[in-house]
Protein backbone atom coordinates (compact mmCIF):
# COMPACT_ATOMS: atom_id res chain seq x y z
CA UNK A 1 0.00 0.00 0.00
CA UNK A 2 2.84 2.36 0.78
CA UNK A 3 4.42 1.87 -2.67
CA UNK A 4 1.22 2.82 -4.50
CA UNK A 5 1.00 6.06 -2.51
CA UNK A 6 4.63 6.90 -3.25
CA UNK A 7 4.13 6.18 -6.96
CA UNK A 8 1.05 8.40 -7.10
CA UNK A 9 2.87 11.18 -5.28
CA UNK A 10 5.84 10.83 -7.63
CA UNK A 11 3.61 11.15 -10.71
CA UNK A 12 1.97 14.26 -9.31
CA UNK A 13 5.30 15.89 -8.65
CA UNK A 14 6.45 15.22 -12.23
CA UNK A 15 3.30 16.91 -13.49
CA UNK A 16 3.74 19.95 -11.27
CA UNK A 17 7.48 20.09 -11.93
CA UNK A 18 7.52 19.84 -15.74
CA UNK A 19 4.10 20.04 -17.37
CA UNK A 20 2.43 22.79 -15.37
CA UNK A 21 5.25 25.36 -15.87
CA UNK A 22 5.28 24.63 -19.62
CA UNK A 23 1.52 25.16 -19.86
CA UNK A 24 1.78 28.39 -17.88
CA UNK A 25 4.65 29.66 -20.07
CA UNK A 26 2.66 28.90 -23.23
CA UNK A 27 -0.36 30.74 -21.81
CA UNK A 28 1.78 33.79 -20.99
CA UNK A 29 3.38 33.78 -24.45
CA UNK A 30 -0.03 33.44 -26.10
CA UNK A 31 -1.67 36.33 -24.25
CA UNK A 32 1.36 38.66 -24.27
CA UNK A 33 2.89 37.98 -27.70
CA UNK A 34 0.87 35.84 -30.09
CA UNK A 35 -2.66 37.21 -29.61
CA UNK A 36 -1.76 40.93 -29.85
CA UNK A 37 0.28 40.24 -33.00
CA UNK A 38 -2.66 38.41 -34.56
CA UNK A 39 -4.94 41.38 -33.78
CA UNK A 40 -2.48 43.82 -35.38
CA UNK A 41 -2.16 41.63 -38.48
CA UNK A 42 -5.94 41.34 -38.78
CA UNK A 43 -6.34 45.14 -38.51
CA UNK A 44 -3.59 45.68 -41.13
CA UNK A 45 -5.18 43.23 -43.56
CA UNK A 46 -8.54 44.95 -43.08
CA UNK A 47 -6.95 48.36 -43.75
CA UNK A 48 -5.23 47.08 -46.90
CA UNK A 49 -8.48 45.54 -48.09
CA UNK A 50 -10.41 48.79 -47.60
CA UNK A 51 -8.05 50.97 -49.66
CA UNK A 52 -9.76 52.89 -52.43
CA UNK A 53 -8.97 55.55 -55.02
CA UNK A 54 -8.59 58.98 -53.45
CA UNK A 55 -7.39 57.79 -50.02
CA UNK A 56 -4.43 59.70 -48.62
CA UNK A 57 -1.84 57.20 -47.46
CA UNK A 58 1.70 56.92 -46.12
CA UNK A 59 4.00 54.19 -47.45
CA UNK A 60 6.35 52.12 -45.34
CA UNK A 61 9.19 54.33 -46.62
CA UNK A 62 7.40 57.48 -45.39
CA UNK A 63 6.18 58.74 -48.76
CA UNK A 64 2.88 60.61 -48.52
CA UNK A 65 0.50 60.52 -51.44
CA UNK A 66 -3.02 60.02 -52.73
CA UNK A 67 -4.11 56.77 -54.33
CA UNK A 68 -4.47 57.47 -58.05
CA UNK A 69 -5.03 53.88 -59.20
CA UNK A 70 -5.35 50.59 -57.34
CA UNK A 71 -5.32 46.92 -58.36
CA UNK A 72 -5.21 43.68 -56.38
CA UNK A 73 -1.42 43.80 -56.08
CA UNK A 74 -0.29 47.38 -56.73
CA UNK A 75 -1.10 50.94 -55.78
CA UNK A 76 -0.21 54.01 -57.85
CA UNK A 77 0.32 57.02 -55.58
CA UNK A 78 0.13 60.58 -56.85
CA UNK A 79 2.78 62.43 -54.91
CA UNK A 80 2.28 65.85 -56.54
CA UNK A 81 0.77 67.08 -59.81
CA UNK A 82 3.54 65.59 -61.97
CA UNK A 83 4.78 62.59 -59.95
CA UNK A 84 3.15 59.19 -59.74
CA UNK A 85 4.82 56.19 -58.11
CA UNK A 86 3.82 52.53 -58.16
CA UNK A 87 4.06 50.45 -54.98
CA UNK A 88 3.04 46.99 -53.88
CA UNK A 89 -0.24 47.15 -51.99
CA UNK A 90 1.53 45.77 -48.91
CA UNK A 91 3.89 48.80 -48.92
CA UNK A 92 1.09 51.04 -47.64
CA UNK A 93 1.67 51.66 -43.95
CA UNK A 94 -1.33 53.75 -42.95
CA UNK A 95 -4.25 55.80 -44.19
CA UNK A 96 -4.17 59.49 -43.22
CA UNK A 97 -7.32 61.00 -41.75
CA UNK A 98 -6.91 64.45 -43.38
C-alpha atoms as a PDB file:
ATOM      1  CA  UNK A   1       0.000   0.000   0.000  1.00  0.00           C
ATOM      2  CA  UNK A   2       2.844   2.360   0.778  1.00  0.00           C
ATOM      3  CA  UNK A   3       4.423   1.869  -2.667  1.00  0.00           C
ATOM      4  CA  UNK A   4       1.217   2.822  -4.497  1.00  0.00           C
ATOM      5  CA  UNK A   5       0.999   6.056  -2.506  1.00  0.00           C
ATOM      6  CA  UNK A   6       4.632   6.900  -3.251  1.00  0.00           C
ATOM      7  CA  UNK A   7       4.131   6.184  -6.963  1.00  0.00           C
ATOM      8  CA  UNK A   8       1.053   8.396  -7.104  1.00  0.00           C
ATOM      9  CA  UNK A   9       2.873  11.182  -5.280  1.00  0.00           C
ATOM     10  CA  UNK A  10       5.840  10.832  -7.631  1.00  0.00           C
ATOM     11  CA  UNK A  11       3.613  11.153 -10.708  1.00  0.00           C
ATOM     12  CA  UNK A  12       1.974  14.260  -9.313  1.00  0.00           C
ATOM     13  CA  UNK A  13       5.300  15.887  -8.649  1.00  0.00           C
ATOM     14  CA  UNK A  14       6.453  15.219 -12.235  1.00  0.00           C
ATOM     15  CA  UNK A  15       3.304  16.906 -13.487  1.00  0.00           C
ATOM     16  CA  UNK A  16       3.740  19.952 -11.273  1.00  0.00           C
ATOM     17  CA  UNK A  17       7.476  20.088 -11.930  1.00  0.00           C
ATOM     18  CA  UNK A  18       7.517  19.836 -15.735  1.00  0.00           C
ATOM     19  CA  UNK A  19       4.100  20.044 -17.373  1.00  0.00           C
ATOM     20  CA  UNK A  20       2.431  22.787 -15.369  1.00  0.00           C
ATOM     21  CA  UNK A  21       5.247  25.356 -15.867  1.00  0.00           C
ATOM     22  CA  UNK A  22       5.276  24.627 -19.624  1.00  0.00           C
ATOM     23  CA  UNK A  23       1.523  25.161 -19.856  1.00  0.00           C
ATOM     24  CA  UNK A  24       1.783  28.391 -17.882  1.00  0.00           C
ATOM     25  CA  UNK A  25       4.649  29.658 -20.067  1.00  0.00           C
ATOM     26  CA  UNK A  26       2.662  28.901 -23.225  1.00  0.00           C
ATOM     27  CA  UNK A  27      -0.362  30.743 -21.813  1.00  0.00           C
ATOM     28  CA  UNK A  28       1.779  33.789 -20.989  1.00  0.00           C
ATOM     29  CA  UNK A  29       3.376  33.782 -24.454  1.00  0.00           C
ATOM     30  CA  UNK A  30      -0.027  33.440 -26.096  1.00  0.00           C
ATOM     31  CA  UNK A  31      -1.667  36.333 -24.251  1.00  0.00           C
ATOM     32  CA  UNK A  32       1.357  38.661 -24.268  1.00  0.00           C
ATOM     33  CA  UNK A  33       2.890  37.978 -27.696  1.00  0.00           C
ATOM     34  CA  UNK A  34       0.868  35.842 -30.089  1.00  0.00           C
ATOM     35  CA  UNK A  35      -2.659  37.208 -29.606  1.00  0.00           C
ATOM     36  CA  UNK A  36      -1.760  40.926 -29.847  1.00  0.00           C
ATOM     37  CA  UNK A  37       0.281  40.240 -32.997  1.00  0.00           C
ATOM     38  CA  UNK A  38      -2.664  38.413 -34.560  1.00  0.00           C
ATOM     39  CA  UNK A  39      -4.940  41.380 -33.777  1.00  0.00           C
ATOM     40  CA  UNK A  40      -2.477  43.818 -35.384  1.00  0.00           C
ATOM     41  CA  UNK A  41      -2.156  41.633 -38.479  1.00  0.00           C
ATOM     42  CA  UNK A  42      -5.937  41.344 -38.784  1.00  0.00           C
ATOM     43  CA  UNK A  43      -6.339  45.138 -38.512  1.00  0.00           C
ATOM     44  CA  UNK A  44      -3.594  45.681 -41.126  1.00  0.00           C
ATOM     45  CA  UNK A  45      -5.183  43.232 -43.558  1.00  0.00           C
ATOM     46  CA  UNK A  46      -8.545  44.953 -43.076  1.00  0.00           C
ATOM     47  CA  UNK A  47      -6.947  48.365 -43.751  1.00  0.00           C
ATOM     48  CA  UNK A  48      -5.231  47.083 -46.905  1.00  0.00           C
ATOM     49  CA  UNK A  49      -8.484  45.536 -48.092  1.00  0.00           C
ATOM     50  CA  UNK A  50     -10.410  48.785 -47.600  1.00  0.00           C
ATOM     51  CA  UNK A  51      -8.048  50.970 -49.665  1.00  0.00           C
ATOM     52  CA  UNK A  52      -9.764  52.893 -52.435  1.00  0.00           C
ATOM     53  CA  UNK A  53      -8.975  55.549 -55.018  1.00  0.00           C
ATOM     54  CA  UNK A  54      -8.587  58.983 -53.445  1.00  0.00           C
ATOM     55  CA  UNK A  55      -7.392  57.789 -50.024  1.00  0.00           C
ATOM     56  CA  UNK A  56      -4.433  59.697 -48.623  1.00  0.00           C
ATOM     57  CA  UNK A  57      -1.837  57.204 -47.458  1.00  0.00           C
ATOM     58  CA  UNK A  58       1.703  56.924 -46.123  1.00  0.00           C
ATOM     59  CA  UNK A  59       3.998  54.195 -47.455  1.00  0.00           C
ATOM     60  CA  UNK A  60       6.352  52.125 -45.343  1.00  0.00           C
ATOM     61  CA  UNK A  61       9.191  54.327 -46.619  1.00  0.00           C
ATOM     62  CA  UNK A  62       7.403  57.476 -45.386  1.00  0.00           C
ATOM     63  CA  UNK A  63       6.177  58.742 -48.764  1.00  0.00           C
ATOM     64  CA  UNK A  64       2.883  60.613 -48.516  1.00  0.00           C
ATOM     65  CA  UNK A  65       0.502  60.516 -51.441  1.00  0.00           C
ATOM     66  CA  UNK A  66      -3.019  60.024 -52.732  1.00  0.00           C
ATOM     67  CA  UNK A  67      -4.109  56.769 -54.329  1.00  0.00           C
ATOM     68  CA  UNK A  68      -4.466  57.465 -58.046  1.00  0.00           C
ATOM     69  CA  UNK A  69      -5.031  53.881 -59.196  1.00  0.00           C
ATOM     70  CA  UNK A  70      -5.349  50.594 -57.343  1.00  0.00           C
ATOM     71  CA  UNK A  71      -5.318  46.920 -58.361  1.00  0.00           C
ATOM     72  CA  UNK A  72      -5.210  43.679 -56.375  1.00  0.00           C
ATOM     73  CA  UNK A  73      -1.419  43.801 -56.078  1.00  0.00           C
ATOM     74  CA  UNK A  74      -0.295  47.381 -56.734  1.00  0.00           C
ATOM     75  CA  UNK A  75      -1.100  50.943 -55.784  1.00  0.00           C
ATOM     76  CA  UNK A  76      -0.211  54.011 -57.850  1.00  0.00           C
ATOM     77  CA  UNK A  77       0.324  57.019 -55.580  1.00  0.00           C
ATOM     78  CA  UNK A  78       0.125  60.576 -56.855  1.00  0.00           C
ATOM     79  CA  UNK A  79       2.784  62.434 -54.909  1.00  0.00           C
ATOM     80  CA  UNK A  80       2.277  65.854 -56.537  1.00  0.00           C
ATOM     81  CA  UNK A  81       0.772  67.084 -59.814  1.00  0.00           C
ATOM     82  CA  UNK A  82       3.539  65.593 -61.970  1.00  0.00           C
ATOM     83  CA  UNK A  83       4.783  62.593 -59.954  1.00  0.00           C
ATOM     84  CA  UNK A  84       3.154  59.190 -59.741  1.00  0.00           C
ATOM     85  CA  UNK A  85       4.824  56.190 -58.111  1.00  0.00           C
ATOM     86  CA  UNK A  86       3.823  52.527 -58.162  1.00  0.00           C
ATOM     87  CA  UNK A  87       4.062  50.447 -54.982  1.00  0.00           C
ATOM     88  CA  UNK A  88       3.039  46.994 -53.875  1.00  0.00           C
ATOM     89  CA  UNK A  89      -0.236  47.151 -51.995  1.00  0.00           C
ATOM     90  CA  UNK A  90       1.526  45.770 -48.909  1.00  0.00           C
ATOM     91  CA  UNK A  91       3.892  48.801 -48.919  1.00  0.00           C
ATOM     92  CA  UNK A  92       1.085  51.037 -47.638  1.00  0.00           C
ATOM     93  CA  UNK A  93       1.672  51.658 -43.949  1.00  0.00           C
ATOM     94  CA  UNK A  94      -1.330  53.750 -42.953  1.00  0.00           C
ATOM     95  CA  UNK A  95      -4.245  55.804 -44.193  1.00  0.00           C
ATOM     96  CA  UNK A  96      -4.170  59.485 -43.216  1.00  0.00           C
ATOM     97  CA  UNK A  97      -7.317  60.999 -41.752  1.00  0.00           C
ATOM     98  CA  UNK A  98      -6.909  64.445 -43.384  1.00  0.00           C
END
